[in-house]
Amino acid sequence: MSVTADDIAAKKFTTVRGIKAGYSLAEVDDFLEQTESSLRQLQQRVAELEEAKPSVSASHVLELAQQTADSLLADARSEADSLLQDARRRNEEATSTAAQQVEALNARIAELTMIERDYRSRLKDFVSSALNDIES
């Protein structure tokens, strides 16, 4: 059973007459008054703290946790989408650059093939001319 300040204030002790060993009523009353005052201060402080504390229920905490999780998930998805778009853009740029390089190399191969054909043709004409000169 809890003892309140009102319980202490209302408490009356039975006085016993004729006992040599006992307590001084004045000291007991003084001590009870001090105890009552201290207990009232503590009860007041507890009441103030209970009023000041936020009322948080388990469902409210769960709701806040869900909101936080949803927010983090949305941020993660957004960042993933951004990274994916960046990767796609870089891939397109690399593919385009590679295609341009292939096109340039193919053009150079075609040019070198033409030079080779021209060189072979002139070499063939030179050798034929030299053989004709030797035979004549």
N, C-alpha and C. Protein backbone atom coordinates (compact mmCIF):
# COMPACT_ATOMS: atom_id res chain seq x y z
N MET A 1 0.84 -1.18 0.00
CA MET A 1 0.00 0.00 0.00
C MET A 1 0.88 1.23 0.00
N SER A 2 0.59 2.20 -0.87
CA SER A 2 1.36 3.43 -0.96
C SER A 2 0.93 4.41 0.12
N VAL A 3 1.88 5.11 0.63
CA VAL A 3 1.61 6.13 1.65
C VAL A 3 1.72 7.48 0.97
N THR A 4 0.70 8.30 1.11
CA THR A 4 0.71 9.62 0.52
C THR A 4 0.99 10.66 1.59
N ALA A 5 1.23 11.88 1.14
CA ALA A 5 1.45 12.98 2.09
C ALA A 5 0.21 13.18 2.95
N ASP A 6 -0.99 12.99 2.37
CA ASP A 6 -2.22 13.13 3.15
C ASP A 6 -2.31 12.05 4.23
N ASP A 7 -1.83 10.83 3.92
CA ASP A 7 -1.82 9.76 4.92
C ASP A 7 -0.94 10.15 6.11
N ILE A 8 0.22 10.74 5.79
CA ILE A 8 1.13 11.14 6.86
C ILE A 8 0.51 12.26 7.70
N ALA A 9 -0.11 13.23 7.01
CA ALA A 9 -0.72 14.34 7.73
C ALA A 9 -1.86 13.87 8.63
N ALA A 10 -2.61 12.87 8.20
CA ALA A 10 -3.77 12.40 8.96
C ALA A 10 -3.42 11.39 10.04
N LYS A 11 -2.21 10.87 10.01
CA LYS A 11 -1.83 9.81 10.95
C LYS A 11 -1.79 10.35 12.38
N LYS A 12 -2.44 9.64 13.27
CA LYS A 12 -2.44 9.96 14.70
C LYS A 12 -1.95 8.74 15.44
N PHE A 13 -1.01 8.95 16.30
CA PHE A 13 -0.47 7.86 17.10
C PHE A 13 -1.19 7.80 18.43
N THR A 14 -1.33 6.62 18.93
CA THR A 14 -1.94 6.43 20.23
C THR A 14 -0.90 6.71 21.29
N THR A 15 -1.27 7.50 22.23
CA THR A 15 -0.33 7.79 23.30
C THR A 15 -0.52 6.78 24.41
N VAL A 16 0.58 6.37 24.96
CA VAL A 16 0.54 5.38 26.03
C VAL A 16 1.09 6.06 27.28
N ARG A 17 0.34 5.98 28.35
CA ARG A 17 0.79 6.61 29.59
C ARG A 17 1.44 5.56 30.48
N GLY A 18 2.41 6.00 31.12
CA GLY A 18 3.02 5.15 32.10
C GLY A 18 4.20 4.35 31.59
N ILE A 19 4.53 4.45 30.38
CA ILE A 19 5.69 3.72 29.86
C ILE A 19 6.89 4.63 29.99
N LYS A 20 7.94 4.12 30.55
CA LYS A 20 9.12 4.94 30.74
C LYS A 20 9.85 5.17 29.42
N ALA A 21 9.99 4.11 28.64
CA ALA A 21 10.68 4.25 27.36
C ALA A 21 9.65 4.53 26.30
N GLY A 22 9.77 5.64 25.61
CA GLY A 22 8.84 5.99 24.55
C GLY A 22 9.40 7.12 23.71
N TYR A 23 8.60 7.57 22.78
CA TYR A 23 9.05 8.63 21.89
C TYR A 23 8.45 9.94 22.34
N SER A 24 9.18 11.00 22.03
CA SER A 24 8.66 12.33 22.32
C SER A 24 7.64 12.66 21.25
N LEU A 25 6.44 12.99 21.67
CA LEU A 25 5.38 13.32 20.70
C LEU A 25 5.75 14.51 19.85
N ALA A 26 6.43 15.46 20.41
CA ALA A 26 6.82 16.66 19.65
C ALA A 26 7.81 16.28 18.55
N GLU A 27 8.77 15.38 18.87
CA GLU A 27 9.74 14.96 17.86
C GLU A 27 9.06 14.14 16.76
N VAL A 28 8.17 13.26 17.14
CA VAL A 28 7.44 12.46 16.15
C VAL A 28 6.62 13.36 15.25
N ASP A 29 5.89 14.31 15.85
CA ASP A 29 5.07 15.24 15.06
C ASP A 29 5.95 16.07 14.12
N ASP A 30 7.10 16.55 14.61
CA ASP A 30 8.01 17.35 13.80
C ASP A 30 8.54 16.52 12.63
N PHE A 31 8.94 15.29 12.91
CA PHE A 31 9.45 14.41 11.85
C PHE A 31 8.37 14.12 10.81
N LEU A 32 7.14 13.86 11.26
CA LEU A 32 6.05 13.59 10.34
C LEU A 32 5.75 14.81 9.46
N GLU A 33 5.84 16.00 10.02
CA GLU A 33 5.61 17.21 9.22
C GLU A 33 6.68 17.37 8.15
N GLN A 34 7.94 17.09 8.51
CA GLN A 34 9.03 17.18 7.53
C GLN A 34 8.86 16.12 6.44
N THR A 35 8.49 14.91 6.85
CA THR A 35 8.27 13.83 5.89
C THR A 35 7.10 14.16 4.97
N GLU A 36 6.04 14.69 5.54
CA GLU A 36 4.88 15.09 4.74
C GLU A 36 5.27 16.14 3.71
N SER A 37 6.04 17.14 4.14
CA SER A 37 6.46 18.22 3.23
C SER A 37 7.32 17.66 2.10
N SER A 38 8.28 16.80 2.44
CA SER A 38 9.15 16.20 1.42
C SER A 38 8.35 15.36 0.44
N LEU A 39 7.43 14.57 0.98
CA LEU A 39 6.61 13.71 0.14
C LEU A 39 5.72 14.54 -0.79
N ARG A 40 5.15 15.64 -0.28
CA ARG A 40 4.32 16.52 -1.14
C ARG A 40 5.16 17.09 -2.28
N GLN A 41 6.40 17.53 -1.97
CA GLN A 41 7.27 18.07 -3.00
C GLN A 41 7.57 17.02 -4.07
N LEU A 42 7.86 15.81 -3.62
CA LEU A 42 8.13 14.73 -4.57
C LEU A 42 6.92 14.38 -5.42
N GLN A 43 5.74 14.34 -4.80
CA GLN A 43 4.52 14.05 -5.55
C GLN A 43 4.24 15.16 -6.57
N GLN A 44 4.48 16.40 -6.18
CA GLN A 44 4.28 17.52 -7.10
C GLN A 44 5.24 17.41 -8.29
N ARG A 45 6.50 17.08 -7.99
CA ARG A 45 7.50 16.95 -9.06
C ARG A 45 7.14 15.80 -10.01
N VAL A 46 6.68 14.68 -9.46
CA VAL A 46 6.26 13.56 -10.29
C VAL A 46 5.09 13.98 -11.18
N ALA A 47 4.13 14.70 -10.62
CA ALA A 47 2.97 15.15 -11.40
C ALA A 47 3.42 16.08 -12.52
N GLU A 48 4.36 16.99 -12.22
CA GLU A 48 4.87 17.91 -13.24
C GLU A 48 5.57 17.14 -14.37
N LEU A 49 6.38 16.16 -13.99
CA LEU A 49 7.10 15.38 -15.00
C LEU A 49 6.15 14.55 -15.86
N GLU A 50 5.12 14.00 -15.25
CA GLU A 50 4.15 13.22 -16.02
C GLU A 50 3.38 14.09 -17.00
N GLU A 51 3.09 15.33 -16.59
CA GLU A 51 2.41 16.25 -17.51
C GLU A 51 3.32 16.66 -18.66
N ALA A 52 4.61 16.81 -18.36
CA ALA A 52 5.56 17.29 -19.36
C ALA A 52 5.97 16.22 -20.36
N LYS A 53 5.93 14.95 -19.97
CA LYS A 53 6.39 13.91 -20.89
C LYS A 53 5.41 13.74 -22.04
N PRO A 54 5.95 13.51 -23.23
CA PRO A 54 5.05 13.32 -24.37
C PRO A 54 4.36 11.96 -24.26
N SER A 55 3.16 11.94 -24.73
CA SER A 55 2.41 10.69 -24.73
C SER A 55 2.74 9.94 -26.01
N VAL A 56 3.46 8.86 -25.88
CA VAL A 56 3.88 8.08 -27.04
C VAL A 56 3.31 6.68 -26.91
N SER A 57 2.55 6.32 -27.89
CA SER A 57 1.98 4.97 -27.88
C SER A 57 2.79 4.09 -28.82
N ALA A 58 2.63 2.82 -28.67
CA ALA A 58 3.34 1.87 -29.53
C ALA A 58 2.94 2.06 -30.99
N SER A 59 1.67 2.33 -31.23
CA SER A 59 1.22 2.52 -32.61
C SER A 59 1.82 3.78 -33.22
N HIS A 60 2.01 4.82 -32.38
CA HIS A 60 2.64 6.05 -32.87
C HIS A 60 4.10 5.80 -33.22
N VAL A 61 4.79 5.05 -32.37
CA VAL A 61 6.19 4.73 -32.63
C VAL A 61 6.28 3.89 -33.91
N LEU A 62 5.39 2.93 -34.05
CA LEU A 62 5.38 2.09 -35.25
C LEU A 62 5.11 2.93 -36.49
N GLU A 63 4.20 3.87 -36.38
CA GLU A 63 3.88 4.75 -37.51
C GLU A 63 5.09 5.60 -37.89
N LEU A 64 5.79 6.15 -36.89
CA LEU A 64 6.99 6.94 -37.17
C LEU A 64 8.08 6.08 -37.80
N ALA A 65 8.23 4.85 -37.31
CA ALA A 65 9.22 3.94 -37.88
C ALA A 65 8.87 3.62 -39.33
N GLN A 66 7.60 3.40 -39.61
CA GLN A 66 7.17 3.10 -40.98
C GLN A 66 7.41 4.30 -41.89
N GLN A 67 7.12 5.50 -41.40
CA GLN A 67 7.36 6.70 -42.19
C GLN A 67 8.85 6.86 -42.49
N THR A 68 9.68 6.60 -41.49
CA THR A 68 11.13 6.70 -41.69
C THR A 68 11.59 5.67 -42.70
N ALA A 69 11.10 4.45 -42.57
CA ALA A 69 11.47 3.39 -43.52
C ALA A 69 11.01 3.75 -44.93
N ASP A 70 9.79 4.25 -45.06
CA ASP A 70 9.28 4.65 -46.37
C ASP A 70 10.13 5.75 -46.98
N SER A 71 10.51 6.72 -46.15
CA SER A 71 11.34 7.82 -46.63
C SER A 71 12.70 7.33 -47.09
N LEU A 72 13.31 6.47 -46.29
CA LEU A 72 14.62 5.92 -46.66
C LEU A 72 14.53 5.09 -47.94
N LEU A 73 13.46 4.32 -48.06
CA LEU A 73 13.27 3.50 -49.25
C LEU A 73 13.07 4.38 -50.49
N ALA A 74 12.29 5.44 -50.35
CA ALA A 74 12.08 6.36 -51.47
C ALA A 74 13.40 7.03 -51.87
N ASP A 75 14.20 7.44 -50.88
CA ASP A 75 15.50 8.04 -51.18
C ASP A 75 16.41 7.04 -51.89
N ALA A 76 16.40 5.80 -51.42
CA ALA A 76 17.24 4.78 -52.04
C ALA A 76 16.81 4.51 -53.48
N ARG A 77 15.49 4.44 -53.70
CA ARG A 77 14.99 4.23 -55.07
C ARG A 77 15.36 5.39 -55.98
N SER A 78 15.23 6.60 -55.45
CA SER A 78 15.57 7.78 -56.23
C SER A 78 17.05 7.77 -56.60
N GLU A 79 17.90 7.44 -55.64
CA GLU A 79 19.33 7.39 -55.92
C GLU A 79 19.65 6.27 -56.90
N ALA A 80 18.98 5.14 -56.76
CA ALA A 80 19.19 4.02 -57.69
C ALA A 80 18.78 4.43 -59.10
N ASP A 81 17.64 5.11 -59.23
CA ASP A 81 17.19 5.57 -60.55
C ASP A 81 18.19 6.54 -61.15
N SER A 82 18.71 7.44 -60.32
CA SER A 82 19.69 8.41 -60.79
C SER A 82 20.96 7.71 -61.25
N LEU A 83 21.42 6.74 -60.47
CA LEU A 83 22.63 5.99 -60.86
C LEU A 83 22.39 5.20 -62.15
N LEU A 84 21.21 4.62 -62.28
CA LEU A 84 20.89 3.86 -63.48
C LEU A 84 20.85 4.77 -64.71
N GLN A 85 20.24 5.94 -64.57
CA GLN A 85 20.19 6.88 -65.70
C GLN A 85 21.60 7.33 -66.08
N ASP A 86 22.44 7.58 -65.07
CA ASP A 86 23.81 8.00 -65.34
C ASP A 86 24.58 6.88 -66.05
N ALA A 87 24.39 5.64 -65.60
CA ALA A 87 25.06 4.50 -66.23
C ALA A 87 24.60 4.33 -67.67
N ARG A 88 23.31 4.50 -67.91
CA ARG A 88 22.79 4.39 -69.28
C ARG A 88 23.36 5.49 -70.18
N ARG A 89 23.43 6.70 -69.63
CA ARG A 89 23.98 7.81 -70.41
C ARG A 89 25.43 7.55 -70.76
N ARG A 90 26.21 7.08 -69.77
CA ARG A 90 27.62 6.78 -70.02
C ARG A 90 27.77 5.64 -71.03
N ASN A 91 26.90 4.66 -70.95
CA ASN A 91 26.94 3.55 -71.90
C ASN A 91 26.66 4.04 -73.32
N GLU A 92 25.66 4.91 -73.45
CA GLU A 92 25.34 5.46 -74.77
C GLU A 92 26.50 6.27 -75.31
N GLU A 93 27.15 7.07 -74.44
CA GLU A 93 28.30 7.86 -74.89
C GLU A 93 29.45 6.95 -75.32
N ALA A 94 29.72 5.90 -74.53
CA ALA A 94 30.80 4.97 -74.87
C ALA A 94 30.50 4.24 -76.17
N THR A 95 29.24 3.83 -76.33
CA THR A 95 28.84 3.12 -77.55
C THR A 95 28.97 4.04 -78.76
N SER A 96 28.56 5.28 -78.60
CA SER A 96 28.65 6.25 -79.69
C SER A 96 30.11 6.52 -80.06
N THR A 97 30.94 6.69 -79.05
CA THR A 97 32.37 6.93 -79.29
C THR A 97 33.01 5.73 -79.99
N ALA A 98 32.67 4.52 -79.52
CA ALA A 98 33.21 3.31 -80.14
C ALA A 98 32.75 3.20 -81.59
N ALA A 99 31.49 3.51 -81.84
CA ALA A 99 30.97 3.44 -83.22
C ALA A 99 31.69 4.44 -84.11
N GLN A 100 31.97 5.63 -83.60
CA GLN A 100 32.71 6.63 -84.38
C GLN A 100 34.12 6.15 -84.67
N GLN A 101 34.74 5.52 -83.67
CA GLN A 101 36.10 5.01 -83.88
C GLN A 101 36.11 3.88 -84.91
N VAL A 102 35.12 2.99 -84.84
CA VAL A 102 35.01 1.91 -85.82
C VAL A 102 34.83 2.49 -87.21
N GLU A 103 33.98 3.50 -87.32
CA GLU A 103 33.74 4.14 -88.62
C GLU A 103 35.01 4.77 -89.16
N ALA A 104 35.76 5.44 -88.27
CA ALA A 104 37.01 6.07 -88.70
C ALA A 104 38.03 5.01 -89.12
N LEU A 105 38.11 3.92 -88.39
CA LEU A 105 39.05 2.85 -88.73
C LEU A 105 38.67 2.18 -90.05
N ASN A 106 37.37 1.97 -90.26
CA ASN A 106 36.91 1.39 -91.53
C ASN A 106 37.25 2.30 -92.70
N ALA A 107 37.11 3.61 -92.48
CA ALA A 107 37.45 4.57 -93.55
C ALA A 107 38.95 4.51 -93.83
N ARG A 108 39.76 4.39 -92.77
CA ARG A 108 41.22 4.32 -92.93
C ARG A 108 41.62 3.02 -93.64
N ILE A 109 40.93 1.91 -93.29
CA ILE A 109 41.19 0.62 -93.96
C ILE A 109 40.87 0.73 -95.45
N ALA A 110 39.74 1.36 -95.76
CA ALA A 110 39.35 1.52 -97.17
C ALA A 110 40.39 2.36 -97.90
N GLU A 111 40.89 3.42 -97.25
CA GLU A 111 41.90 4.28 -97.85
C GLU A 111 43.20 3.51 -98.08
N LEU A 112 43.63 2.72 -97.07
CA LEU A 112 44.86 1.94 -97.20
C LEU A 112 44.71 0.84 -98.26
N THR A 113 43.50 0.26 -98.36
CA THR A 113 43.25 -0.76 -99.39
C THR A 113 43.40 -0.15 -100.78
N MET A 114 42.91 1.08 -100.94
CA MET A 114 43.05 1.77 -102.24
C MET A 114 44.52 2.06 -102.53
N ILE A 115 45.26 2.48 -101.51
CA ILE A 115 46.70 2.75 -101.71
C ILE A 115 47.43 1.47 -102.08
N GLU A 116 47.07 0.36 -101.41
CA GLU A 116 47.71 -0.93 -101.71
C GLU A 116 47.42 -1.34 -103.15
N ARG A 117 46.16 -1.22 -103.57
CA ARG A 117 45.80 -1.59 -104.95
C ARG A 117 46.58 -0.74 -105.96
N ASP A 118 46.64 0.55 -105.65
CA ASP A 118 47.38 1.45 -106.57
C ASP A 118 48.85 1.07 -106.59
N TYR A 119 49.44 0.76 -105.41
CA TYR A 119 50.85 0.38 -105.34
C TYR A 119 51.09 -0.91 -106.10
N ARG A 120 50.21 -1.91 -105.89
CA ARG A 120 50.36 -3.19 -106.59
C ARG A 120 50.27 -2.98 -108.11
N SER A 121 49.31 -2.15 -108.48
CA SER A 121 49.13 -1.92 -109.92
C SER A 121 50.38 -1.25 -110.51
N ARG A 122 50.92 -0.24 -109.82
CA ARG A 122 52.12 0.43 -110.33
C ARG A 122 53.34 -0.50 -110.29
N LEU A 123 53.41 -1.34 -109.23
CA LEU A 123 54.53 -2.29 -109.14
C LEU A 123 54.45 -3.31 -110.27
N LYS A 124 53.23 -3.77 -110.53
CA LYS A 124 53.03 -4.72 -111.61
C LYS A 124 53.44 -4.09 -112.95
N ASP A 125 53.02 -2.87 -113.20
CA ASP A 125 53.39 -2.17 -114.43
C ASP A 125 54.90 -1.99 -114.53
N PHE A 126 55.56 -1.65 -113.38
CA PHE A 126 57.00 -1.44 -113.37
C PHE A 126 57.74 -2.75 -113.69
N VAL A 127 57.30 -3.84 -113.00
CA VAL A 127 57.94 -5.14 -113.24
C VAL A 127 57.73 -5.56 -114.69
N SER A 128 56.53 -5.39 -115.20
CA SER A 128 56.25 -5.75 -116.60
C SER A 128 57.12 -4.93 -117.55
N SER A 129 57.26 -3.68 -117.27
CA SER A 129 58.07 -2.79 -118.12
C SER A 129 59.52 -3.20 -118.05
N ALA A 130 59.99 -3.56 -116.82
CA ALA A 130 61.40 -3.96 -116.65
C ALA A 130 61.64 -5.27 -117.39
N LEU A 131 60.68 -6.20 -117.31
CA LEU A 131 60.83 -7.49 -118.03
C LEU A 131 60.82 -7.26 -119.55
N ASN A 132 60.00 -6.39 -119.99
CA ASN A 132 59.96 -6.08 -121.43
C ASN A 132 61.29 -5.46 -121.89
N ASP A 133 61.85 -4.63 -121.05
CA ASP A 133 63.13 -4.01 -121.39
C ASP A 133 64.24 -5.07 -121.42
N ILE A 134 64.19 -6.02 -120.53
CA ILE A 134 65.21 -7.07 -120.47
C ILE A 134 65.04 -7.99 -121.70
N GLU A 135 63.86 -8.30 -122.08
CA GLU A 135 63.63 -9.18 -123.21
C GLU A 135 63.95 -8.48 -124.54
N SER A 136 63.89 -7.26 -124.61
CA SER A 136 64.16 -6.61 -125.88
C SER A 136 65.55 -6.26 -126.06
